[in-house]
PDB file of N, CA and C in Angstrom:
ATOM      1  N   ASN A   1     -11.205  -5.256 -24.765  1.00  0.00           N
ATOM      2  CA  ASN A   1     -10.032  -6.272 -24.397  1.00  0.00           C
ATOM      3  C   ASN A   1      -9.607  -6.231 -23.278  1.00  0.00           C
ATOM      4  N   GLY A   2     -10.329  -6.015 -22.339  1.00  0.00           N
ATOM      5  CA  GLY A   2      -9.931  -5.916 -20.632  1.00  0.00           C
ATOM      6  C   GLY A   2      -9.872  -7.433 -20.221  1.00  0.00           C
ATOM      7  N   TYR A   3      -8.827  -7.978 -19.485  1.00  0.00           N
ATOM      8  CA  TYR A   3      -8.539  -9.238 -18.904  1.00  0.00           C
ATOM      9  C   TYR A   3      -8.065  -8.829 -17.605  1.00  0.00           C
ATOM     10  N   ILE A   4      -8.462  -9.991 -16.674  1.00  0.00           N
ATOM     11  CA  ILE A   4      -7.791 -10.149 -15.348  1.00  0.00           C
ATOM     12  C   ILE A   4      -6.638 -10.989 -15.262  1.00  0.00           C
ATOM     13  N   LEU A   5      -5.578 -10.640 -14.533  1.00  0.00           N
ATOM     14  CA  LEU A   5      -4.614 -11.379 -14.801  1.00  0.00           C
ATOM     15  C   LEU A   5      -4.132 -11.690 -13.390  1.00  0.00           C
ATOM     16  N   THR A   6      -4.760 -13.156 -12.579  1.00  0.00           N
ATOM     17  CA  THR A   6      -4.704 -13.404 -11.358  1.00  0.00           C
ATOM     18  C   THR A   6      -2.991 -13.824 -10.929  1.00  0.00           C
ATOM     19  N   ALA A   7      -2.017 -13.370 -10.320  1.00  0.00           N
ATOM     20  CA  ALA A   7      -1.019 -13.906 -10.013  1.00  0.00           C
ATOM     21  C   ALA A   7      -0.675 -14.450  -8.505  1.00  0.00           C
ATOM     22  N   SER A   8      -0.430 -15.658  -8.183  1.00  0.00           N
ATOM     23  CA  SER A   8      -0.299 -15.851  -6.898  1.00  0.00           C
ATOM     24  C   SER A   8       0.727 -16.839  -6.407  1.00  0.00           C
ATOM     25  N   GLY A   9       1.468 -16.503  -5.328  1.00  0.00           N
ATOM     26  CA  GLY A   9       2.899 -17.609  -5.190  1.00  0.00           C
ATOM     27  C   GLY A   9       2.977 -17.569  -3.723  1.00  0.00           C
ATOM     28  N   THR A  10       4.723 -18.039  -3.409  1.00  0.00           N
ATOM     29  CA  THR A  10       5.108 -17.668  -2.100  1.00  0.00           C
ATOM     30  C   THR A  10       5.510 -16.106  -1.994  1.00  0.00           C
ATOM     31  N   ASP A  11       5.144 -15.219  -0.982  1.00  0.00           N
ATOM     32  CA  ASP A  11       5.462 -14.205  -0.844  1.00  0.00           C
ATOM     33  C   ASP A  11       7.203 -14.046  -0.644  1.00  0.00           C
ATOM     34  N   ARG A  12       7.730 -13.301  -1.605  1.00  0.00           N
ATOM     35  CA  ARG A  12       9.067 -12.544  -1.494  1.00  0.00           C
ATOM     36  C   ARG A  12       9.165 -11.611  -2.449  1.00  0.00           C
ATOM     37  N   ILE A  13      10.451 -11.062  -2.359  1.00  0.00           N
ATOM     38  CA  ILE A  13      10.835  -9.601  -2.796  1.00  0.00           C
ATOM     39  C   ILE A  13      10.956  -9.846  -4.262  1.00  0.00           C
ATOM     40  N   GLY A  14      10.571  -9.139  -5.010  1.00  0.00           N
ATOM     41  CA  GLY A  14      10.709  -9.213  -6.767  1.00  0.00           C
ATOM     42  C   GLY A  14       9.509  -9.533  -6.919  1.00  0.00           C
ATOM     43  N   PHE A  15       8.659 -10.232  -6.251  1.00  0.00           N
ATOM     44  CA  PHE A  15       7.068 -10.952  -6.667  1.00  0.00           C
ATOM     45  C   PHE A  15       6.512  -9.695  -7.988  1.00  0.00           C
ATOM     46  N   VAL A  16       5.964  -8.088  -7.745  1.00  0.00           N
ATOM     47  CA  VAL A  16       5.176  -7.330  -8.081  1.00  0.00           C
ATOM     48  C   VAL A  16       6.528  -7.268  -9.131  1.00  0.00           C
ATOM     49  N   ALA A  17       7.414  -6.711  -9.078  1.00  0.00           N
ATOM     50  CA  ALA A  17       8.501  -6.468 -10.148  1.00  0.00           C
ATOM     51  C   ALA A  17       8.570  -7.781 -11.341  1.00  0.00           C
ATOM     52  N   SER A  18       8.835  -9.032 -10.748  1.00  0.00           N
ATOM     53  CA  SER A  18       8.887  -9.957 -11.699  1.00  0.00           C
ATOM     54  C   SER A  18       7.127  -9.842 -12.762  1.00  0.00           C
ATOM     55  N   VAL A  19       6.083 -10.045 -11.903  1.00  0.00           N
ATOM     56  CA  VAL A  19       5.269 -10.115 -12.996  1.00  0.00           C
ATOM     57  C   VAL A  19       5.110  -8.618 -13.923  1.00  0.00           C
ATOM     58  N   ALA A  20       5.379  -7.164 -13.266  1.00  0.00           N
ATOM     59  CA  ALA A  20       5.104  -6.379 -14.294  1.00  0.00           C
ATOM     60  C   ALA A  20       6.298  -6.481 -15.007  1.00  0.00           C
ATOM     61  N   THR A  21       7.628  -6.751 -15.173  1.00  0.00           N
ATOM     62  CA  THR A  21       8.509  -7.124 -16.072  1.00  0.00           C
ATOM     63  C   THR A  21       7.915  -8.107 -17.112  1.00  0.00           C
ATOM     64  N   PHE A  22       6.854  -9.212 -16.796  1.00  0.00           N
ATOM     65  CA  PHE A  22       6.764  -9.892 -17.705  1.00  0.00           C
ATOM     66  C   PHE A  22       5.653  -9.471 -18.352  1.00  0.00           C
ATOM     67  N   CYS A  23       4.886  -8.792 -17.623  1.00  0.00           N
ATOM     68  CA  CYS A  23       3.952  -7.675 -18.776  1.00  0.00           C
ATOM     69  C   CYS A  23       4.393  -6.885 -19.666  1.00  0.00           C
ATOM     70  N   ALA A  24       5.610  -6.040 -19.237  1.00  0.00           N
ATOM     71  CA  ALA A  24       6.315  -5.202 -20.176  1.00  0.00           C
ATOM     72  C   ALA A  24       6.962  -5.730 -21.160  1.00  0.00           C
ATOM     73  N   GLN A  25       7.370  -6.922 -21.091  1.00  0.00           N
ATOM     74  CA  GLN A  25       7.859  -7.718 -21.988  1.00  0.00           C
ATOM     75  C   GLN A  25       7.346  -8.189 -23.036  1.00  0.00           C
ATOM     76  N   HIS A  26       5.693  -8.736 -22.689  1.00  0.00           N
ATOM     77  CA  HIS A  26       5.212  -8.910 -23.751  1.00  0.00           C
ATOM     78  C   HIS A  26       4.239  -7.966 -24.218  1.00  0.00           C
ATOM     79  N   ASN A  27       4.214  -6.973 -24.132  1.00  0.00           N
ATOM     80  CA  ASN A  27       3.405  -5.686 -24.405  1.00  0.00           C
ATOM     81  C   ASN A  27       2.125  -5.727 -23.739  1.00  0.00           C
ATOM     82  N   ILE A  28       2.030  -6.248 -22.652  1.00  0.00           N
ATOM     83  CA  ILE A  28       0.644  -6.245 -21.742  1.00  0.00           C
ATOM     84  C   ILE A  28       0.572  -4.831 -20.660  1.00  0.00           C
ATOM     85  N   ASN A  29      -0.296  -3.935 -20.887  1.00  0.00           N
ATOM     86  CA  ASN A  29      -0.585  -2.706 -20.331  1.00  0.00           C
ATOM     87  C   ASN A  29      -1.163  -3.140 -18.795  1.00  0.00           C
ATOM     88  N   ILE A  30      -0.500  -2.799 -18.048  1.00  0.00           N
ATOM     89  CA  ILE A  30      -1.292  -2.944 -16.527  1.00  0.00           C
ATOM     90  C   ILE A  30      -2.394  -1.636 -16.481  1.00  0.00           C
ATOM     91  N   LEU A  31      -3.290  -1.673 -16.277  1.00  0.00           N
ATOM     92  CA  LEU A  31      -4.355  -0.568 -16.023  1.00  0.00           C
ATOM     93  C   LEU A  31      -4.693  -0.441 -14.894  1.00  0.00           C
ATOM     94  N   ASP A  32      -4.637  -1.362 -13.942  1.00  0.00           N
ATOM     95  CA  ASP A  32      -4.867  -1.111 -12.270  1.00  0.00           C
ATOM     96  C   ASP A  32      -4.152  -2.719 -12.115  1.00  0.00           C
ATOM     97  N   LEU A  33      -4.091  -2.386 -10.635  1.00  0.00           N
ATOM     98  CA  LEU A  33      -3.325  -3.653 -10.206  1.00  0.00           C
ATOM     99  C   LEU A  33      -4.025  -3.965  -8.445  1.00  0.00           C
ATOM    100  N   SER A  34      -4.285  -4.599  -7.812  1.00  0.00           N
ATOM    101  CA  SER A  34      -4.406  -4.461  -6.349  1.00  0.00           C
ATOM    102  C   SER A  34      -3.575  -6.006  -5.703  1.00  0.00           C
ATOM    103  N   THR A  35      -3.223  -6.101  -4.488  1.00  0.00           N
ATOM    104  CA  THR A  35      -2.183  -6.996  -4.051  1.00  0.00           C
ATOM    105  C   THR A  35      -2.597  -7.168  -2.681  1.00  0.00           C
ATOM    106  N   THR A  36      -2.564  -8.435  -2.268  1.00  0.00           N
ATOM    107  CA  THR A  36      -2.634  -8.957  -0.947  1.00  0.00           C
ATOM    108  C   THR A  36      -1.901  -9.856  -0.321  1.00  0.00           C
ATOM    109  N   GLN A  37      -1.795 -10.060   1.058  1.00  0.00           N
ATOM    110  CA  GLN A  37      -0.473 -11.099   1.172  1.00  0.00           C
ATOM    111  C   GLN A  37      -1.206 -11.260   2.400  1.00  0.00           C
ATOM    112  N   SER A  38      -1.508 -12.985   2.759  1.00  0.00           N
ATOM    113  CA  SER A  38      -1.759 -13.654   3.804  1.00  0.00           C
ATOM    114  C   SER A  38      -1.122 -14.975   4.172  1.00  0.00           C
ATOM    115  N   THR A  39      -0.677 -14.997   5.293  1.00  0.00           N
ATOM    116  CA  THR A  39      -0.036 -16.292   5.361  1.00  0.00           C
ATOM    117  C   THR A  39       1.421 -16.998   4.862  1.00  0.00           C
ATOM    118  N   GLY A  40       2.309 -16.079   4.154  1.00  0.00           N
ATOM    119  CA  GLY A  40       2.906 -16.597   3.515  1.00  0.00           C
ATOM    120  C   GLY A  40       2.619 -16.702   1.852  1.00  0.00           C
ATOM    121  N   LYS A  41       1.240 -16.174   1.567  1.00  0.00           N
ATOM    122  CA  LYS A  41       1.074 -16.054   0.268  1.00  0.00           C
ATOM    123  C   LYS A  41       0.619 -15.056  -0.495  1.00  0.00           C
ATOM    124  N   TYR A  42       1.357 -14.403  -1.734  1.00  0.00           N
ATOM    125  CA  TYR A  42       0.940 -13.178  -2.066  1.00  0.00           C
ATOM    126  C   TYR A  42      -0.186 -13.475  -3.159  1.00  0.00           C
ATOM    127  N   ILE A  43      -0.700 -12.478  -3.836  1.00  0.00           N
ATOM    128  CA  ILE A  43      -1.772 -12.466  -4.608  1.00  0.00           C
ATOM    129  C   ILE A  43      -1.915 -11.205  -5.357  1.00  0.00           C
ATOM    130  N   MET A  44      -1.598 -10.983  -6.244  1.00  0.00           N
ATOM    131  CA  MET A  44      -1.899  -9.834  -7.377  1.00  0.00           C
ATOM    132  C   MET A  44      -3.089 -10.136  -8.345  1.00  0.00           C
ATOM    133  N   MET A  45      -3.670  -8.871  -8.348  1.00  0.00           N
ATOM    134  CA  MET A  45      -4.900  -9.194  -9.444  1.00  0.00           C
ATOM    135  C   MET A  45      -4.266  -7.755 -10.071  1.00  0.00           C
ATOM    136  N   LEU A  46      -4.539  -8.130 -11.672  1.00  0.00           N
ATOM    137  CA  LEU A  46      -4.004  -7.082 -12.464  1.00  0.00           C
ATOM    138  C   LEU A  46      -5.426  -6.714 -13.529  1.00  0.00           C
ATOM    139  N   LEU A  47      -5.691  -5.428 -13.687  1.00  0.00           N
ATOM    140  CA  LEU A  47      -6.510  -5.543 -15.068  1.00  0.00           C
ATOM    141  C   LEU A  47      -5.880  -4.993 -15.971  1.00  0.00           C
ATOM    142  N   VAL A  48      -5.900  -6.149 -16.977  1.00  0.00           N
ATOM    143  CA  VAL A  48      -4.747  -5.489 -18.051  1.00  0.00           C
ATOM    144  C   VAL A  48      -5.100  -5.815 -19.482  1.00  0.00           C
ATOM    145  N   ASP A  49      -4.675  -5.054 -20.460  1.00  0.00           N
ATOM    146  CA  ASP A  49      -4.911  -4.577 -21.700  1.00  0.00           C
ATOM    147  C   ASP A  49      -4.468  -5.237 -22.679  1.00  0.00           C
ATOM    148  N   LEU A  50      -4.725  -6.071 -23.645  1.00  0.00           N
ATOM    149  CA  LEU A  50      -3.966  -7.060 -24.179  1.00  0.00           C
ATOM    150  C   LEU A  50      -3.732  -6.488 -25.815  1.00  0.00           C
ATOM    151  N   SER A  51      -4.407  -5.285 -25.846  1.00  0.00           N
ATOM    152  CA  SER A  51      -4.398  -4.722 -27.539  1.00  0.00           C
ATOM    153  C   SER A  51      -3.293  -4.734 -28.226  1.00  0.00           C
ATOM    154  N   ASP A  52      -2.074  -4.281 -27.621  1.00  0.00           N
ATOM    155  CA  ASP A  52      -0.946  -4.523 -28.425  1.00  0.00           C
ATOM    156  C   ASP A  52       0.058  -5.618 -28.189  1.00  0.00           C
ATOM    157  N   ALA A  53      -0.576  -6.805 -27.496  1.00  0.00           N
ATOM    158  CA  ALA A  53       0.105  -7.885 -26.932  1.00  0.00           C
ATOM    159  C   ALA A  53       0.116  -9.199 -28.464  1.00  0.00           C
ATOM    160  N   GLU A  54       0.590  -9.998 -28.382  1.00  0.00           N
ATOM    161  CA  GLU A  54       0.532 -11.301 -29.075  1.00  0.00           C
ATOM    162  C   GLU A  54      -0.405 -11.924 -29.057  1.00  0.00           C
ATOM    163  N   PRO A  55      -1.290 -12.414 -30.049  1.00  0.00           N
ATOM    164  CA  PRO A  55      -2.339 -13.154 -30.021  1.00  0.00           C
ATOM    165  C   PRO A  55      -2.295 -13.870 -28.615  1.00  0.00           C
ATOM    166  N   LEU A  56      -3.784 -14.341 -27.962  1.00  0.00           N
ATOM    167  CA  LEU A  56      -3.632 -14.845 -27.092  1.00  0.00           C
ATOM    168  C   LEU A  56      -3.371 -16.059 -26.890  1.00  0.00           C
ATOM    169  N   VAL A  57      -3.169 -16.898 -27.464  1.00  0.00           N
ATOM    170  CA  VAL A  57      -2.546 -18.254 -27.549  1.00  0.00           C
ATOM    171  C   VAL A  57      -1.354 -18.084 -27.071  1.00  0.00           C
ATOM    172  N   THR A  58      -0.596 -17.194 -27.686  1.00  0.00           N
ATOM    173  CA  THR A  58       0.978 -16.763 -27.496  1.00  0.00           C
ATOM    174  C   THR A  58       1.087 -16.433 -26.382  1.00  0.00           C
ATOM    175  N   VAL A  59       0.546 -15.313 -25.914  1.00  0.00           N
ATOM    176  CA  VAL A  59       0.293 -14.794 -24.559  1.00  0.00           C
ATOM    177  C   VAL A  59       0.213 -16.018 -23.451  1.00  0.00           C
ATOM    178  N   ARG A  60      -0.746 -16.791 -23.190  1.00  0.00           N
ATOM    179  CA  ARG A  60      -1.096 -17.716 -22.527  1.00  0.00           C
ATOM    180  C   ARG A  60       0.237 -18.930 -22.498  1.00  0.00           C
ATOM    181  N   TRP A  61       0.730 -18.914 -23.563  1.00  0.00           N
ATOM    182  CA  TRP A  61       1.653 -20.023 -23.748  1.00  0.00           C
ATOM    183  C   TRP A  61       2.973 -19.471 -22.766  1.00  0.00           C
ATOM    184  N   HIS A  62       3.270 -18.257 -23.260  1.00  0.00           N
ATOM    185  CA  HIS A  62       4.141 -17.405 -22.239  1.00  0.00           C
ATOM    186  C   HIS A  62       4.447 -17.613 -20.977  1.00  0.00           C
ATOM    187  N   MET A  63       2.711 -17.214 -20.356  1.00  0.00           N
ATOM    188  CA  MET A  63       2.714 -17.302 -18.968  1.00  0.00           C
ATOM    189  C   MET A  63       2.881 -18.528 -18.471  1.00  0.00           C
ATOM    190  N   GLN A  64       2.561 -19.596 -18.905  1.00  0.00           N
ATOM    191  CA  GLN A  64       2.679 -20.719 -18.831  1.00  0.00           C
ATOM    192  C   GLN A  64       4.318 -21.133 -18.242  1.00  0.00           C
ATOM    193  N   ARG A  65       5.329 -20.764 -19.243  1.00  0.00           N
ATOM    194  CA  ARG A  65       6.223 -20.917 -19.229  1.00  0.00           C
ATOM    195  C   ARG A  65       7.278 -20.003 -17.967  1.00  0.00           C
ATOM    196  N   PHE A  66       6.532 -18.913 -18.094  1.00  0.00           N
ATOM    197  CA  PHE A  66       7.121 -17.889 -16.790  1.00  0.00           C
ATOM    198  C   PHE A  66       6.528 -18.239 -15.329  1.00  0.00           C
ATOM    199  N   ALA A  67       5.013 -18.925 -15.192  1.00  0.00           N
ATOM    200  CA  ALA A  67       4.488 -19.056 -14.054  1.00  0.00           C
ATOM    201  C   ALA A  67       5.598 -20.625 -13.539  1.00  0.00           C
ATOM    202  N   GLU A  68       6.054 -21.615 -14.540  1.00  0.00           N
ATOM    203  CA  GLU A  68       6.726 -22.492 -13.973  1.00  0.00           C
ATOM    204  C   GLU A  68       7.989 -22.163 -13.744  1.00  0.00           C
ATOM    205  N   GLU A  69       8.344 -21.466 -14.292  1.00  0.00           N
ATOM    206  CA  GLU A  69      10.133 -20.835 -13.956  1.00  0.00           C
ATOM    207  C   GLU A  69      10.200 -20.303 -12.685  1.00  0.00           C
ATOM    208  N   LYS A  70       9.397 -19.343 -12.528  1.00  0.00           N
ATOM    209  CA  LYS A  70       9.208 -18.480 -11.042  1.00  0.00           C
ATOM    210  C   LYS A  70       8.544 -19.048 -10.206  1.00  0.00           C
ATOM    211  N   GLY A  71       7.713 -20.068 -10.340  1.00  0.00           N
ATOM    212  CA  GLY A  71       7.009 -21.001  -9.121  1.00  0.00           C
ATOM    213  C   GLY A  71       5.571 -20.431  -8.795  1.00  0.00           C
ATOM    214  N   PHE A  72       5.063 -19.494  -9.775  1.00  0.00           N
ATOM    215  CA  PHE A  72       3.634 -18.756  -9.424  1.00  0.00           C
ATOM    216  C   PHE A  72       2.729 -19.623 -10.285  1.00  0.00           C
ATOM    217  N   HIS A  73       1.261 -18.902  -9.888  1.00  0.00           N
ATOM    218  CA  HIS A  73      -0.039 -19.854 -10.310  1.00  0.00           C
ATOM    219  C   HIS A  73      -0.351 -18.171 -11.068  1.00  0.00           C
ATOM    220  N   LEU A  74      -0.541 -18.453 -12.367  1.00  0.00           N
ATOM    221  CA  LEU A  74      -1.141 -17.556 -12.738  1.00  0.00           C
ATOM    222  C   LEU A  74      -2.581 -17.714 -13.714  1.00  0.00           C
ATOM    223  N   VAL A  75      -3.582 -17.128 -13.520  1.00  0.00           N
ATOM    224  CA  VAL A  75      -4.825 -17.305 -14.277  1.00  0.00           C
ATOM    225  C   VAL A  75      -5.400 -15.753 -15.259  1.00  0.00           C
ATOM    226  N   LEU A  76      -5.438 -16.372 -16.579  1.00  0.00           N
ATOM    227  CA  LEU A  76      -5.741 -14.822 -17.406  1.00  0.00           C
ATOM    228  C   LEU A  76      -7.309 -15.124 -18.054  1.00  0.00           C
ATOM    229  N   GLN A  77      -8.430 -14.301 -17.193  1.00  0.00           N
ATOM    230  CA  GLN A  77      -9.753 -14.198 -17.884  1.00  0.00           C
ATOM    231  C   GLN A  77     -10.191 -13.225 -18.411  1.00  0.00           C
ATOM    232  N   HIS A  78     -10.975 -13.133 -19.371  1.00  0.00           N
ATOM    233  CA  HIS A  78     -11.552 -11.919 -19.888  1.00  0.00           C
ATOM    234  C   HIS A  78     -12.112 -11.382 -18.688  1.00  0.00           C
ATOM    235  N   HIS A  79     -12.157 -10.166 -18.345  1.00  0.00           N
ATOM    236  CA  HIS A  79     -12.984  -9.052 -17.845  1.00  0.00           C
ATOM    237  C   HIS A  79     -14.568  -9.832 -17.311  1.00  0.00           C
ATOM    238  N   ASP A  80     -15.407  -9.916 -18.409  1.00  0.00           N
ATOM    239  CA  ASP A  80     -16.389 -10.329 -18.237  1.00  0.00           C
ATOM    240  C   ASP A  80     -17.019 -11.655 -17.779  1.00  0.00           C
ATOM    241  N   ILE A  81     -15.905 -12.783 -18.007  1.00  0.00           N
ATOM    242  CA  ILE A  81     -16.032 -13.848 -17.273  1.00  0.00           C
ATOM    243  C   ILE A  81     -15.739 -13.736 -16.192  1.00  0.00           C
ATOM    244  N   PHE A  82     -14.369 -13.381 -15.747  1.00  0.00           N
ATOM    245  CA  PHE A  82     -14.220 -12.818 -14.273  1.00  0.00           C
ATOM    246  C   PHE A  82     -15.399 -12.064 -13.312  1.00  0.00           C
ATOM    247  N   LYS A  83     -15.923 -11.358 -14.009  1.00  0.00           N
ATOM    248  CA  LYS A  83     -16.939 -10.508 -13.225  1.00  0.00           C
ATOM    249  C   LYS A  83     -17.971 -11.511 -12.891  1.00  0.00           C
ATOM    250  N   ALA A  84     -18.452 -12.256 -13.873  1.00  0.00           N
ATOM    251  CA  ALA A  84     -19.614 -13.264 -13.837  1.00  0.00           C
ATOM    252  C   ALA A  84     -19.541 -14.366 -12.898  1.00  0.00           C
ATOM    253  N   THR A  85     -18.241 -15.011 -12.878  1.00  0.00           N
ATOM    254  CA  THR A  85     -17.810 -16.169 -11.974  1.00  0.00           C
ATOM    255  C   THR A  85     -17.436 -15.365 -10.337  1.00  0.00           C
ATOM    256  N   ASN A  86     -17.462 -14.080 -10.272  1.00  0.00           N
ATOM    257  CA  ASN A  86     -16.828 -14.023  -8.891  1.00  0.00           C
ATOM    258  C   ASN A  86     -17.851 -13.012  -8.316  1.00  0.00           C
ATOM    259  N   GLU A  87     -19.139 -12.622  -9.037  1.00  0.00           N
ATOM    260  CA  GLU A  87     -20.219 -11.801  -7.977  1.00  0.00           C
ATOM    261  C   GLU A  87     -20.520 -12.680  -7.024  1.00  0.00           C
ATOM    262  N   VAL A  88     -21.009 -12.018  -6.520  1.00  0.00           N
ATOM    263  CA  VAL A  88     -21.868 -12.718  -5.407  1.00  0.00           C
ATOM    264  C   VAL A  88     -23.365 -12.246  -5.311  1.00  0.00           C
ATOM    265  N   SER A  89     -24.467 -13.140  -5.614  1.00  0.00           N
ATOM    266  CA  SER A  89     -25.699 -12.858  -5.344  1.00  0.00           C
ATOM    267  C   SER A  89     -26.375 -12.762  -4.391  1.00  0.00           C
TER     268      SER A  89
END
């Protein structure tokens, strides 16, 4: 049930807190995270467990609303798909 959640947007105070709060509110367990900031843009990559979350379609719906409200760009991919599409050969 490992998924990669990528959150990006304008660098600002509370970016990490708001994404973490969203995850907590939707029973999404954060297993690992990394962040980077470059030229005013902030990017978080989170390894998350959705075992206790609502069905995936519901999680995606809430994510879309959250992203629109906060001005973030969120992408949720199964870990295997993320790994396959981001490996350099």
